[in-house]
Amino acid sequence: MDMILDLFSWICIGIGTALTLIGAIGILRLPDVFARMHGAGMADTLGLALILLGLGFQAGFNIVAIKLFLIFIFVMFTSPTTTHALARAALEEGLAPALTPKAGGTEHTDSKKEADPSKT
């Protein structure tokens, strides 16, 4: 039974680590602040949840598992709240989400250039 719990634990920790790494790559690769927030918030939150689940399997049912569960609850409340606050601050500063690429191009349009008609 211990071997099965260890296997589940390492699978959860491995998948959680991979998702966290994918979220970090998403921060570097995505085009604008809104896409970066979405990529990082979703992947990192799920990755952390899986890592905590794997650590919970390793800890068994004791005070450590309860602390891990409390960390999970704290992250589930704070991650969406901070992402929402960051998105709202970006919108109030005048940033707009990147538009979809044009039919033949691969570049995203710059929302600040489109917002100012005097520069066209």
PDB file of N, CA and C in Angstrom:
ATOM      1  N   MET A   1       0.829  -1.203   0.000  1.00  0.00           N
ATOM      2  CA  MET A   1       0.000   0.000   0.000  1.00  0.00           C
ATOM      3  C   MET A   1       0.866   1.256   0.000  1.00  0.00           C
ATOM      4  N   ASP A   2       1.986   1.196   0.719  1.00  0.00           N
ATOM      5  CA  ASP A   2       2.873   2.361   0.748  1.00  0.00           C
ATOM      6  C   ASP A   2       3.463   2.634  -0.624  1.00  0.00           C
ATOM      7  N   MET A   3       3.726   1.583  -1.380  1.00  0.00           N
ATOM      8  CA  MET A   3       4.293   1.767  -2.709  1.00  0.00           C
ATOM      9  C   MET A   3       3.296   2.452  -3.639  1.00  0.00           C
ATOM     10  N   ILE A   4       2.013   2.123  -3.514  1.00  0.00           N
ATOM     11  CA  ILE A   4       0.984   2.751  -4.342  1.00  0.00           C
ATOM     12  C   ILE A   4       0.845   4.230  -3.980  1.00  0.00           C
ATOM     13  N   LEU A   5       0.855   4.551  -2.673  1.00  0.00           N
ATOM     14  CA  LEU A   5       0.784   5.958  -2.267  1.00  0.00           C
ATOM     15  C   LEU A   5       2.002   6.736  -2.741  1.00  0.00           C
ATOM     16  N   ASP A   6       3.182   6.115  -2.678  1.00  0.00           N
ATOM     17  CA  ASP A   6       4.380   6.780  -3.187  1.00  0.00           C
ATOM     18  C   ASP A   6       4.273   7.026  -4.688  1.00  0.00           C
ATOM     19  N   LEU A   7       3.732   6.058  -5.411  1.00  0.00           N
ATOM     20  CA  LEU A   7       3.572   6.217  -6.853  1.00  0.00           C
ATOM     21  C   LEU A   7       2.611   7.365  -7.172  1.00  0.00           C
ATOM     22  N   PHE A   8       1.447   7.387  -6.528  1.00  0.00           N
ATOM     23  CA  PHE A   8       0.502   8.491  -6.730  1.00  0.00           C
ATOM     24  C   PHE A   8       1.123   9.828  -6.335  1.00  0.00           C
ATOM     25  N   SER A   9       1.883   9.814  -5.256  1.00  0.00           N
ATOM     26  CA  SER A   9       2.521  11.036  -4.792  1.00  0.00           C
ATOM     27  C   SER A   9       3.485  11.587  -5.835  1.00  0.00           C
ATOM     28  N   TRP A  10       4.338  10.732  -6.360  1.00  0.00           N
ATOM     29  CA  TRP A  10       5.327  11.192  -7.331  1.00  0.00           C
ATOM     30  C   TRP A  10       4.699  11.563  -8.665  1.00  0.00           C
ATOM     31  N   ILE A  11       3.619  10.892  -9.033  1.00  0.00           N
ATOM     32  CA  ILE A  11       2.907  11.272 -10.262  1.00  0.00           C
ATOM     33  C   ILE A  11       2.314  12.674 -10.105  1.00  0.00           C
ATOM     34  N   CYS A  12       1.663  12.923  -8.970  1.00  0.00           N
ATOM     35  CA  CYS A  12       1.074  14.250  -8.734  1.00  0.00           C
ATOM     36  C   CYS A  12       2.139  15.333  -8.679  1.00  0.00           C
ATOM     37  N   ILE A  13       3.233  15.055  -7.991  1.00  0.00           N
ATOM     38  CA  ILE A  13       4.313  16.039  -7.889  1.00  0.00           C
ATOM     39  C   ILE A  13       4.943  16.292  -9.258  1.00  0.00           C
ATOM     40  N   GLY A  14       5.132  15.245 -10.052  1.00  0.00           N
ATOM     41  CA  GLY A  14       5.719  15.400 -11.384  1.00  0.00           C
ATOM     42  C   GLY A  14       4.826  16.197 -12.323  1.00  0.00           C
ATOM     43  N   ILE A  15       3.535  15.871 -12.348  1.00  0.00           N
ATOM     44  CA  ILE A  15       2.614  16.610 -13.216  1.00  0.00           C
ATOM     45  C   ILE A  15       2.483  18.061 -12.741  1.00  0.00           C
ATOM     46  N   GLY A  16       2.433  18.259 -11.418  1.00  0.00           N
ATOM     47  CA  GLY A  16       2.352  19.616 -10.883  1.00  0.00           C
ATOM     48  C   GLY A  16       3.575  20.447 -11.223  1.00  0.00           C
ATOM     49  N   THR A  17       4.740  19.828 -11.165  1.00  0.00           N
ATOM     50  CA  THR A  17       5.970  20.532 -11.524  1.00  0.00           C
ATOM     51  C   THR A  17       5.970  20.887 -13.007  1.00  0.00           C
ATOM     52  N   ALA A  18       5.519  19.956 -13.851  1.00  0.00           N
ATOM     53  CA  ALA A  18       5.457  20.228 -15.290  1.00  0.00           C
ATOM     54  C   ALA A  18       4.493  21.380 -15.589  1.00  0.00           C
ATOM     55  N   LEU A  19       3.329  21.384 -14.931  1.00  0.00           N
ATOM     56  CA  LEU A  19       2.374  22.475 -15.154  1.00  0.00           C
ATOM     57  C   LEU A  19       2.929  23.817 -14.684  1.00  0.00           C
ATOM     58  N   THR A  20       3.632  23.818 -13.576  1.00  0.00           N
ATOM     59  CA  THR A  20       4.234  25.056 -13.085  1.00  0.00           C
ATOM     60  C   THR A  20       5.301  25.560 -14.052  1.00  0.00           C
ATOM     61  N   LEU A  21       6.073  24.642 -14.616  1.00  0.00           N
ATOM     62  CA  LEU A  21       7.075  25.018 -15.604  1.00  0.00           C
ATOM     63  C   LEU A  21       6.421  25.564 -16.874  1.00  0.00           C
ATOM     64  N   ILE A  22       5.326  24.941 -17.307  1.00  0.00           N
ATOM     65  CA  ILE A  22       4.595  25.429 -18.474  1.00  0.00           C
ATOM     66  C   ILE A  22       4.045  26.831 -18.203  1.00  0.00           C
ATOM     67  N   GLY A  23       3.548  27.070 -16.995  1.00  0.00           N
ATOM     68  CA  GLY A  23       3.072  28.407 -16.638  1.00  0.00           C
ATOM     69  C   GLY A  23       4.182  29.440 -16.675  1.00  0.00           C
ATOM     70  N   ALA A  24       5.373  29.054 -16.229  1.00  0.00           N
ATOM     71  CA  ALA A  24       6.508  29.979 -16.271  1.00  0.00           C
ATOM     72  C   ALA A  24       6.910  30.287 -17.708  1.00  0.00           C
ATOM     73  N   ILE A  25       6.875  29.287 -18.573  1.00  0.00           N
ATOM     74  CA  ILE A  25       7.171  29.522 -19.991  1.00  0.00           C
ATOM     75  C   ILE A  25       6.091  30.415 -20.602  1.00  0.00           C
ATOM     76  N   GLY A  26       4.838  30.224 -20.178  1.00  0.00           N
ATOM     77  CA  GLY A  26       3.746  31.058 -20.671  1.00  0.00           C
ATOM     78  C   GLY A  26       3.928  32.519 -20.321  1.00  0.00           C
ATOM     79  N   ILE A  27       4.497  32.806 -19.163  1.00  0.00           N
ATOM     80  CA  ILE A  27       4.761  34.194 -18.787  1.00  0.00           C
ATOM     81  C   ILE A  27       5.738  34.834 -19.775  1.00  0.00           C
ATOM     82  N   LEU A  28       6.693  34.070 -20.245  1.00  0.00           N
ATOM     83  CA  LEU A  28       7.685  34.609 -21.173  1.00  0.00           C
ATOM     84  C   LEU A  28       7.187  34.686 -22.610  1.00  0.00           C
ATOM     85  N   ARG A  29       6.313  33.760 -23.005  1.00  0.00           N
ATOM     86  CA  ARG A  29       5.968  33.625 -24.417  1.00  0.00           C
ATOM     87  C   ARG A  29       4.671  34.302 -24.854  1.00  0.00           C
ATOM     88  N   LEU A  30       3.731  34.498 -23.958  1.00  0.00           N
ATOM     89  CA  LEU A  30       2.428  35.028 -24.363  1.00  0.00           C
ATOM     90  C   LEU A  30       2.518  36.522 -24.676  1.00  0.00           C
ATOM     91  N   PRO A  31       1.628  37.036 -25.539  1.00  0.00           N
ATOM     92  CA  PRO A  31       1.830  38.365 -26.121  1.00  0.00           C
ATOM     93  C   PRO A  31       1.544  39.560 -25.228  1.00  0.00           C
ATOM     94  N   ASP A  32       0.560  39.489 -24.341  1.00  0.00           N
ATOM     95  CA  ASP A  32       0.224  40.671 -23.560  1.00  0.00           C
ATOM     96  C   ASP A  32      -0.004  40.300 -22.102  1.00  0.00           C
ATOM     97  N   VAL A  33      -0.216  41.321 -21.289  1.00  0.00           N
ATOM     98  CA  VAL A  33      -0.320  41.114 -19.851  1.00  0.00           C
ATOM     99  C   VAL A  33      -1.527  40.255 -19.483  1.00  0.00           C
ATOM    100  N   PHE A  34      -2.602  40.358 -20.225  1.00  0.00           N
ATOM    101  CA  PHE A  34      -3.813  39.600 -19.898  1.00  0.00           C
ATOM    102  C   PHE A  34      -3.630  38.113 -20.206  1.00  0.00           C
ATOM    103  N   ALA A  35      -3.021  37.805 -21.323  1.00  0.00           N
ATOM    104  CA  ALA A  35      -2.753  36.407 -21.654  1.00  0.00           C
ATOM    105  C   ALA A  35      -1.728  35.821 -20.687  1.00  0.00           C
ATOM    106  N   ARG A  36      -0.752  36.607 -20.314  1.00  0.00           N
ATOM    107  CA  ARG A  36       0.248  36.132 -19.354  1.00  0.00           C
ATOM    108  C   ARG A  36      -0.376  35.840 -18.002  1.00  0.00           C
ATOM    109  N   MET A  37      -1.280  36.709 -17.567  1.00  0.00           N
ATOM    110  CA  MET A  37      -1.967  36.469 -16.293  1.00  0.00           C
ATOM    111  C   MET A  37      -2.781  35.188 -16.345  1.00  0.00           C
ATOM    112  N   HIS A  38      -3.461  34.966 -17.459  1.00  0.00           N
ATOM    113  CA  HIS A  38      -4.287  33.768 -17.589  1.00  0.00           C
ATOM    114  C   HIS A  38      -3.412  32.514 -17.605  1.00  0.00           C
ATOM    115  N   GLY A  39      -2.367  32.543 -18.402  1.00  0.00           N
ATOM    116  CA  GLY A  39      -1.487  31.381 -18.488  1.00  0.00           C
ATOM    117  C   GLY A  39      -0.815  31.061 -17.163  1.00  0.00           C
ATOM    118  N   ALA A  40      -0.326  32.081 -16.517  1.00  0.00           N
ATOM    119  CA  ALA A  40       0.365  31.855 -15.243  1.00  0.00           C
ATOM    120  C   ALA A  40      -0.610  31.487 -14.138  1.00  0.00           C
ATOM    121  N   GLY A  41      -1.731  32.165 -14.074  1.00  0.00           N
ATOM    122  CA  GLY A  41      -2.688  31.904 -13.001  1.00  0.00           C
ATOM    123  C   GLY A  41      -3.279  30.520 -13.063  1.00  0.00           C
ATOM    124  N   MET A  42      -3.658  30.082 -14.246  1.00  0.00           N
ATOM    125  CA  MET A  42      -4.293  28.769 -14.377  1.00  0.00           C
ATOM    126  C   MET A  42      -3.281  27.650 -14.167  1.00  0.00           C
ATOM    127  N   ALA A  43      -2.151  27.713 -14.864  1.00  0.00           N
ATOM    128  CA  ALA A  43      -1.172  26.625 -14.789  1.00  0.00           C
ATOM    129  C   ALA A  43      -0.519  26.552 -13.411  1.00  0.00           C
ATOM    130  N   ASP A  44      -0.173  27.680 -12.841  1.00  0.00           N
ATOM    131  CA  ASP A  44       0.490  27.661 -11.542  1.00  0.00           C
ATOM    132  C   ASP A  44      -0.442  27.220 -10.426  1.00  0.00           C
ATOM    133  N   THR A  45      -1.698  27.615 -10.493  1.00  0.00           N
ATOM    134  CA  THR A  45      -2.641  27.213  -9.453  1.00  0.00           C
ATOM    135  C   THR A  45      -2.898  25.712  -9.502  1.00  0.00           C
ATOM    136  N   LEU A  46      -3.126  25.185 -10.691  1.00  0.00           N
ATOM    137  CA  LEU A  46      -3.338  23.743 -10.811  1.00  0.00           C
ATOM    138  C   LEU A  46      -2.059  22.982 -10.481  1.00  0.00           C
ATOM    139  N   GLY A  47      -0.916  23.497 -10.918  1.00  0.00           N
ATOM    140  CA  GLY A  47       0.359  22.852 -10.597  1.00  0.00           C
ATOM    141  C   GLY A  47       0.604  22.804  -9.098  1.00  0.00           C
ATOM    142  N   LEU A  48       0.351  23.898  -8.412  1.00  0.00           N
ATOM    143  CA  LEU A  48       0.531  23.914  -6.960  1.00  0.00           C
ATOM    144  C   LEU A  48      -0.448  22.972  -6.271  1.00  0.00           C
ATOM    145  N   ALA A  49      -1.679  22.914  -6.764  1.00  0.00           N
ATOM    146  CA  ALA A  49      -2.665  21.999  -6.182  1.00  0.00           C
ATOM    147  C   ALA A  49      -2.197  20.550  -6.303  1.00  0.00           C
ATOM    148  N   LEU A  50      -1.651  20.187  -7.453  1.00  0.00           N
ATOM    149  CA  LEU A  50      -1.161  18.817  -7.623  1.00  0.00           C
ATOM    150  C   LEU A  50       0.072  18.541  -6.770  1.00  0.00           C
ATOM    151  N   ILE A  51       0.952  19.520  -6.653  1.00  0.00           N
ATOM    152  CA  ILE A  51       2.131  19.338  -5.794  1.00  0.00           C
ATOM    153  C   ILE A  51       1.702  19.157  -4.344  1.00  0.00           C
ATOM    154  N   LEU A  52       0.755  19.971  -3.884  1.00  0.00           N
ATOM    155  CA  LEU A  52       0.273  19.830  -2.509  1.00  0.00           C
ATOM    156  C   LEU A  52      -0.445  18.502  -2.298  1.00  0.00           C
ATOM    157  N   LEU A  53      -1.171  18.038  -3.310  1.00  0.00           N
ATOM    158  CA  LEU A  53      -1.829  16.733  -3.205  1.00  0.00           C
ATOM    159  C   LEU A  53      -0.786  15.621  -3.081  1.00  0.00           C
ATOM    160  N   GLY A  54       0.255  15.695  -3.889  1.00  0.00           N
ATOM    161  CA  GLY A  54       1.336  14.715  -3.801  1.00  0.00           C
ATOM    162  C   GLY A  54       2.034  14.749  -2.456  1.00  0.00           C
ATOM    163  N   LEU A  55       2.258  15.937  -1.930  1.00  0.00           N
ATOM    164  CA  LEU A  55       2.867  16.044  -0.598  1.00  0.00           C
ATOM    165  C   LEU A  55       1.930  15.516   0.477  1.00  0.00           C
ATOM    166  N   GLY A  56       0.621  15.696   0.261  1.00  0.00           N
ATOM    167  CA  GLY A  56      -0.356  15.148   1.207  1.00  0.00           C
ATOM    168  C   GLY A  56      -0.341  13.641   1.221  1.00  0.00           C
ATOM    169  N   PHE A  57      -0.170  13.017   0.058  1.00  0.00           N
ATOM    170  CA  PHE A  57      -0.027  11.558   0.016  1.00  0.00           C
ATOM    171  C   PHE A  57       1.211  11.107   0.786  1.00  0.00           C
ATOM    172  N   GLN A  58       2.294  11.870   0.676  1.00  0.00           N
ATOM    173  CA  GLN A  58       3.520  11.516   1.401  1.00  0.00           C
ATOM    174  C   GLN A  58       3.364  11.696   2.909  1.00  0.00           C
ATOM    175  N   ALA A  59       2.620  12.711   3.319  1.00  0.00           N
ATOM    176  CA  ALA A  59       2.501  13.024   4.745  1.00  0.00           C
ATOM    177  C   ALA A  59       1.561  12.077   5.470  1.00  0.00           C
ATOM    178  N   GLY A  60       0.564  11.556   4.770  1.00  0.00           N
ATOM    179  CA  GLY A  60      -0.447  10.764   5.464  1.00  0.00           C
ATOM    180  C   GLY A  60      -1.447  11.702   6.131  1.00  0.00           C
ATOM    181  N   PHE A  61      -2.330  11.132   6.964  1.00  0.00           N
ATOM    182  CA  PHE A  61      -3.334  11.976   7.617  1.00  0.00           C
ATOM    183  C   PHE A  61      -2.826  12.370   8.995  1.00  0.00           C
ATOM    184  N   ASN A  62      -2.244  13.538   9.095  1.00  0.00           N
ATOM    185  CA  ASN A  62      -1.761  14.100  10.361  1.00  0.00           C
ATOM    186  C   ASN A  62      -1.793  15.617  10.261  1.00  0.00           C
ATOM    187  N   ILE A  63      -1.124  16.294  11.155  1.00  0.00           N
ATOM    188  CA  ILE A  63      -1.162  17.752  11.198  1.00  0.00           C
ATOM    189  C   ILE A  63      -0.526  18.371   9.946  1.00  0.00           C
ATOM    190  N   VAL A  64       0.455  17.683   9.359  1.00  0.00           N
ATOM    191  CA  VAL A  64       1.096  18.191   8.145  1.00  0.00           C
ATOM    192  C   VAL A  64       0.086  18.234   6.997  1.00  0.00           C
ATOM    193  N   ALA A  65      -0.734  17.195   6.864  1.00  0.00           N
ATOM    194  CA  ALA A  65      -1.750  17.172   5.802  1.00  0.00           C
ATOM    195  C   ALA A  65      -2.770  18.288   6.009  1.00  0.00           C
ATOM    196  N   ILE A  66      -3.115  18.576   7.240  1.00  0.00           N
ATOM    197  CA  ILE A  66      -4.052  19.660   7.521  1.00  0.00           C
ATOM    198  C   ILE A  66      -3.428  21.006   7.137  1.00  0.00           C
ATOM    199  N   LYS A  67      -2.157  21.184   7.417  1.00  0.00           N
ATOM    200  CA  LYS A  67      -1.474  22.416   7.028  1.00  0.00           C
ATOM    201  C   LYS A  67      -1.394  22.551   5.507  1.00  0.00           C
ATOM    202  N   LEU A  68      -1.137  21.441   4.821  1.00  0.00           N
ATOM    203  CA  LEU A  68      -1.109  21.476   3.360  1.00  0.00           C
ATOM    204  C   LEU A  68      -2.481  21.843   2.794  1.00  0.00           C
ATOM    205  N   PHE A  69      -3.530  21.320   3.402  1.00  0.00           N
ATOM    206  CA  PHE A  69      -4.885  21.657   2.970  1.00  0.00           C
ATOM    207  C   PHE A  69      -5.180  23.145   3.196  1.00  0.00           C
ATOM    208  N   LEU A  70      -4.725  23.693   4.311  1.00  0.00           N
ATOM    209  CA  LEU A  70      -4.929  25.119   4.573  1.00  0.00           C
ATOM    210  C   LEU A  70      -4.164  25.990   3.574  1.00  0.00           C
ATOM    211  N   ILE A  71      -2.965  25.547   3.192  1.00  0.00           N
ATOM    212  CA  ILE A  71      -2.213  26.264   2.158  1.00  0.00           C
ATOM    213  C   ILE A  71      -2.980  26.234   0.843  1.00  0.00           C
ATOM    214  N   PHE A  72      -3.548  25.066   0.508  1.00  0.00           N
ATOM    215  CA  PHE A  72      -4.339  24.927  -0.708  1.00  0.00           C
ATOM    216  C   PHE A  72      -5.530  25.892  -0.707  1.00  0.00           C
ATOM    217  N   ILE A  73      -6.254  25.950   0.406  1.00  0.00           N
ATOM    218  CA  ILE A  73      -7.410  26.854   0.511  1.00  0.00           C
ATOM    219  C   ILE A  73      -6.960  28.310   0.367  1.00  0.00           C
ATOM    220  N   PHE A  74      -5.865  28.677   1.017  1.00  0.00           N
ATOM    221  CA  PHE A  74      -5.350  30.042   0.940  1.00  0.00           C
ATOM    222  C   PHE A  74      -5.006  30.412  -0.502  1.00  0.00           C
ATOM    223  N   VAL A  75      -4.337  29.517  -1.217  1.00  0.00           N
ATOM    224  CA  VAL A  75      -3.956  29.797  -2.606  1.00  0.00           C
ATOM    225  C   VAL A  75      -5.186  29.885  -3.500  1.00  0.00           C
ATOM    226  N   MET A  76      -6.178  29.050  -3.262  1.00  0.00           N
ATOM    227  CA  MET A  76      -7.397  29.087  -4.084  1.00  0.00           C
ATOM    228  C   MET A  76      -8.171  30.398  -3.909  1.00  0.00           C
ATOM    229  N   PHE A  77      -8.030  31.044  -2.773  1.00  0.00           N
ATOM    230  CA  PHE A  77      -8.669  32.350  -2.578  1.00  0.00           C
ATOM    231  C   PHE A  77      -7.800  33.498  -3.082  1.00  0.00           C
ATOM    232  N   THR A  78      -6.503  33.426  -2.872  1.00  0.00           N
ATOM    233  CA  THR A  78      -5.650  34.562  -3.207  1.00  0.00           C
ATOM    234  C   THR A  78      -5.270  34.638  -4.677  1.00  0.00           C
ATOM    235  N   SER A  79      -5.094  33.520  -5.347  1.00  0.00           N
ATOM    236  CA  SER A  79      -4.664  33.549  -6.743  1.00  0.00           C
ATOM    237  C   SER A  79      -5.686  34.229  -7.660  1.00  0.00           C
ATOM    238  N   PRO A  80      -6.966  33.853  -7.632  1.00  0.00           N
ATOM    239  CA  PRO A  80      -7.925  34.577  -8.487  1.00  0.00           C
ATOM    240  C   PRO A  80      -8.104  36.039  -8.085  1.00  0.00           C
ATOM    241  N   THR A  81      -7.998  36.311  -6.799  1.00  0.00           N
ATOM    242  CA  THR A  81      -8.163  37.685  -6.330  1.00  0.00           C
ATOM    243  C   THR A  81      -7.035  38.579  -6.833  1.00  0.00           C
ATOM    244  N   THR A  82      -5.809  38.104  -6.752  1.00  0.00           N
ATOM    245  CA  THR A  82      -4.683  38.911  -7.215  1.00  0.00           C
ATOM    246  C   THR A  82      -4.695  39.053  -8.738  1.00  0.00           C
ATOM    247  N   THR A  83      -5.094  38.004  -9.444  1.00  0.00           N
ATOM    248  CA  THR A  83      -5.178  38.092 -10.899  1.00  0.00           C
ATOM    249  C   THR A  83      -6.237  39.110 -11.315  1.00  0.00           C
ATOM    250  N   HIS A  84      -7.367  39.086 -10.628  1.00  0.00           N
ATOM    251  CA  HIS A  84      -8.432  40.049 -10.931  1.00  0.00           C
ATOM    252  C   HIS A  84      -7.970  41.479 -10.641  1.00  0.00           C
ATOM    253  N   ALA A  85      -7.305  41.687  -9.519  1.00  0.00           N
ATOM    254  CA  ALA A  85      -6.829  43.024  -9.170  1.00  0.00           C
ATOM    255  C   ALA A  85      -5.792  43.515 -10.179  1.00  0.00           C
ATOM    256  N   LEU A  86      -4.917  42.634 -10.617  1.00  0.00           N
ATOM    257  CA  LEU A  86      -3.904  43.011 -11.596  1.00  0.00           C
ATOM    258  C   LEU A  86      -4.539  43.345 -12.947  1.00  0.00           C
ATOM    259  N   ALA A  87      -5.519  42.557 -13.366  1.00  0.00           N
ATOM    260  CA  ALA A  87      -6.208  42.833 -14.638  1.00  0.00           C
ATOM    261  C   ALA A  87      -6.976  44.142 -14.569  1.00  0.00           C
ATOM    262  N   ARG A  88      -7.619  44.387 -13.446  1.00  0.00           N
ATOM    263  CA  ARG A  88      -8.377  45.632 -13.295  1.00  0.00           C
ATOM    264  C   ARG A  88      -7.444  46.846 -13.308  1.00  0.00           C
ATOM    265  N   ALA A  89      -6.293  46.730 -12.656  1.00  0.00           N
ATOM    266  CA  ALA A  89      -5.328  47.833 -12.671  1.00  0.00           C
ATOM    267  C   ALA A  89      -4.789  48.064 -14.078  1.00  0.00           C
ATOM    268  N   ALA A  90      -4.560  46.994 -14.829  1.00  0.00           N
ATOM    269  CA  ALA A  90      -4.074  47.145 -16.203  1.00  0.00           C
ATOM    270  C   ALA A  90      -5.128  47.825 -17.077  1.00  0.00           C
ATOM    271  N   LEU A  91      -6.387  47.460 -16.901  1.00  0.00           N
ATOM    272  CA  LEU A  91      -7.454  48.106 -17.674  1.00  0.00           C
ATOM    273  C   LEU A  91      -7.597  49.577 -17.309  1.00  0.00           C
ATOM    274  N   GLU A  92      -7.455  49.917 -16.034  1.00  0.00           N
ATOM    275  CA  GLU A  92      -7.552  51.317 -15.620  1.00  0.00           C
ATOM    276  C   GLU A  92      -6.389  52.146 -16.123  1.00  0.00           C
ATOM    277  N   GLU A  93      -5.244  51.507 -16.379  1.00  0.00           N
ATOM    278  CA  GLU A  93      -4.091  52.216 -16.936  1.00  0.00           C
ATOM    279  C   GLU A  93      -4.203  52.393 -18.442  1.00  0.00           C
ATOM    280  N   GLY A  94      -5.219  51.802 -19.039  1.00  0.00           N
ATOM    281  CA  GLY A  94      -5.432  51.986 -20.465  1.00  0.00           C
ATOM    282  C   GLY A  94      -4.919  50.852 -21.332  1.00  0.00           C
ATOM    283  N   LEU A  95      -4.426  49.793 -20.741  1.00  0.00           N
ATOM    284  CA  LEU A  95      -3.983  48.658 -21.546  1.00  0.00           C
ATOM    285  C   LEU A  95      -5.193  47.889 -22.043  1.00  0.00           C
ATOM    286  N   ALA A  96      -5.116  47.427 -23.265  1.00  0.00           N
ATOM    287  CA  ALA A  96      -6.201  46.630 -23.838  1.00  0.00           C
ATOM    288  C   ALA A  96      -5.637  45.269 -24.226  1.00  0.00           C
ATOM    289  N   PRO A  97      -6.457  44.245 -24.193  1.00  0.00           N
ATOM    290  CA  PRO A  97      -5.968  42.927 -24.625  1.00  0.00           C
ATOM    291  C   PRO A  97      -5.543  42.954 -26.087  1.00  0.00           C
ATOM    292  N   ALA A  98      -4.548  42.147 -26.420  1.00  0.00           N
ATOM    293  CA  ALA A  98      -4.083  42.067 -27.803  1.00  0.00           C
ATOM    294  C   ALA A  98      -5.181  41.480 -28.665  1.00  0.00           C
ATOM    295  N   LEU A  99      -5.303  42.010 -29.861  1.00  0.00           N
ATOM    296  CA  LEU A  99      -6.326  41.521 -30.778  1.00  0.00           C
ATOM    297  C   LEU A  99      -5.824  40.284 -31.497  1.00  0.00           C
ATOM    298  N   THR A 100      -6.734  39.577 -32.117  1.00  0.00           N
ATOM    299  CA  THR A 100      -6.337  38.393 -32.874  1.00  0.00           C
ATOM    300  C   THR A 100      -5.533  38.811 -34.093  1.00  0.00           C
ATOM    301  N   PRO A 101      -4.659  37.942 -34.582  1.00  0.00           N
ATOM    302  CA  PRO A 101      -3.839  38.313 -35.737  1.00  0.00           C
ATOM    303  C   PRO A 101      -4.686  38.476 -36.998  1.00  0.00           C
ATOM    304  N   LYS A 102      -4.186  39.287 -37.905  1.00  0.00           N
ATOM    305  CA  LYS A 102      -4.890  39.506 -39.171  1.00  0.00           C
ATOM    306  C   LYS A 102      -4.802  38.247 -40.025  1.00  0.00           C
ATOM    307  N   ALA A 103      -5.534  38.216 -41.113  1.00  0.00           N
ATOM    308  CA  ALA A 103      -5.714  37.006 -41.917  1.00  0.00           C
ATOM    309  C   ALA A 103      -4.391  36.377 -42.359  1.00  0.00           C
ATOM    310  N   GLY A 104      -3.425  37.146 -42.808  1.00  0.00           N
ATOM    311  CA  GLY A 104      -2.192  36.547 -43.306  1.00  0.00           C
ATOM    312  C   GLY A 104      -1.014  36.719 -42.376  1.00  0.00           C
ATOM    313  N   GLY A 105      -1.153  37.541 -41.326  1.00  0.00           N
ATOM    314  CA  GLY A 105      -0.011  37.863 -40.492  1.00  0.00           C
ATOM    315  C   GLY A 105       0.045  37.068 -39.207  1.00  0.00           C
ATOM    316  N   THR A 106       1.195  37.164 -38.576  1.00  0.00           N
ATOM    317  CA  THR A 106       1.366  36.477 -37.306  1.00  0.00           C
ATOM    318  C   THR A 106       1.531  37.459 -36.156  1.00  0.00           C
ATOM    319  N   GLU A 107       1.607  38.742 -36.456  1.00  0.00           N
ATOM    320  CA  GLU A 107       1.819  39.725 -35.397  1.00  0.00           C
ATOM    321  C   GLU A 107       0.494  40.177 -34.809  1.00  0.00           C
ATOM    322  N   HIS A 108       0.516  40.497 -33.529  1.00  0.00           N
ATOM    323  CA  HIS A 108      -0.652  41.069 -32.874  1.00  0.00           C
ATOM    324  C   HIS A 108      -0.628  42.569 -33.098  1.00  0.00           C
ATOM    325  N   THR A 109      -1.801  43.149 -33.187  1.00  0.00           N
ATOM    326  CA  THR A 109      -1.861  44.588 -33.380  1.00  0.00           C
ATOM    327  C   THR A 109      -1.600  45.290 -32.057  1.00  0.00           C
ATOM    328  N   ASP A 110      -1.020  46.453 -32.129  1.00  0.00           N
ATOM    329  CA  ASP A 110      -0.734  47.233 -30.930  1.00  0.00           C
ATOM    330  C   ASP A 110      -1.964  48.043 -30.576  1.00  0.00           C
ATOM    331  N   SER A 111      -2.544  47.805 -29.426  1.00  0.00           N
ATOM    332  CA  SER A 111      -3.803  48.450 -29.058  1.00  0.00           C
ATOM    333  C   SER A 111      -3.630  49.953 -28.846  1.00  0.00           C
ATOM    334  N   LYS A 112      -2.453  50.411 -28.443  1.00  0.00           N
ATOM    335  CA  LYS A 112      -2.256  51.840 -28.235  1.00  0.00           C
ATOM    336  C   LYS A 112      -2.213  52.587 -29.566  1.00  0.00           C
ATOM    337  N   LYS A 113      -1.659  51.961 -30.613  1.00  0.00           N
ATOM    338  CA  LYS A 113      -1.633  52.612 -31.914  1.00  0.00           C
ATOM    339  C   LYS A 113      -3.033  52.711 -32.490  1.00  0.00           C
ATOM    340  N   GLU A 114      -3.853  51.683 -32.299  1.00  0.00           N
ATOM    341  CA  GLU A 114      -5.205  51.719 -32.832  1.00  0.00           C
ATOM    342  C   GLU A 114      -6.090  52.669 -32.052  1.00  0.00           C
ATOM    343  N   ALA A 115      -5.793  52.876 -30.784  1.00  0.00           N
ATOM    344  CA  ALA A 115      -6.619  53.744 -29.955  1.00  0.00           C
ATOM    345  C   ALA A 115      -6.429  55.212 -30.321  1.00  0.00           C
ATOM    346  N   ASP A 116      -5.300  55.569 -30.924  1.00  0.00           N
ATOM    347  CA  ASP A 116      -5.017  56.955 -31.256  1.00  0.00           C
ATOM    348  C   ASP A 116      -5.146  57.138 -32.774  1.00  0.00           C
ATOM    349  N   PRO A 117      -6.313  57.651 -33.243  1.00  0.00           N
ATOM    350  CA  PRO A 117      -6.505  57.780 -34.697  1.00  0.00           C
ATOM    351  C   PRO A 117      -5.636  58.847 -35.345  1.00  0.00           C
ATOM    352  N   SER A 118      -5.048  59.771 -34.584  1.00  0.00           N
ATOM    353  CA  SER A 118      -4.243  60.837 -35.169  1.00  0.00           C
ATOM    354  C   SER A 118      -2.923  60.328 -35.732  1.00  0.00           C
ATOM    355  N   LYS A 119      -2.492  59.110 -35.308  1.00  0.00           N
ATOM    356  CA  LYS A 119      -1.216  58.584 -35.782  1.00  0.00           C
ATOM    357  C   LYS A 119      -1.365  57.763 -37.046  1.00  0.00           C
ATOM    358  N   THR A 120      -2.562  57.582 -37.551  1.00  0.00           N
ATOM    359  CA  THR A 120      -2.732  56.789 -38.785  1.00  0.00           C
ATOM    360  C   THR A 120      -2.704  57.644 -40.013  1.00  0.00           C
TER     361      THR A 120
END
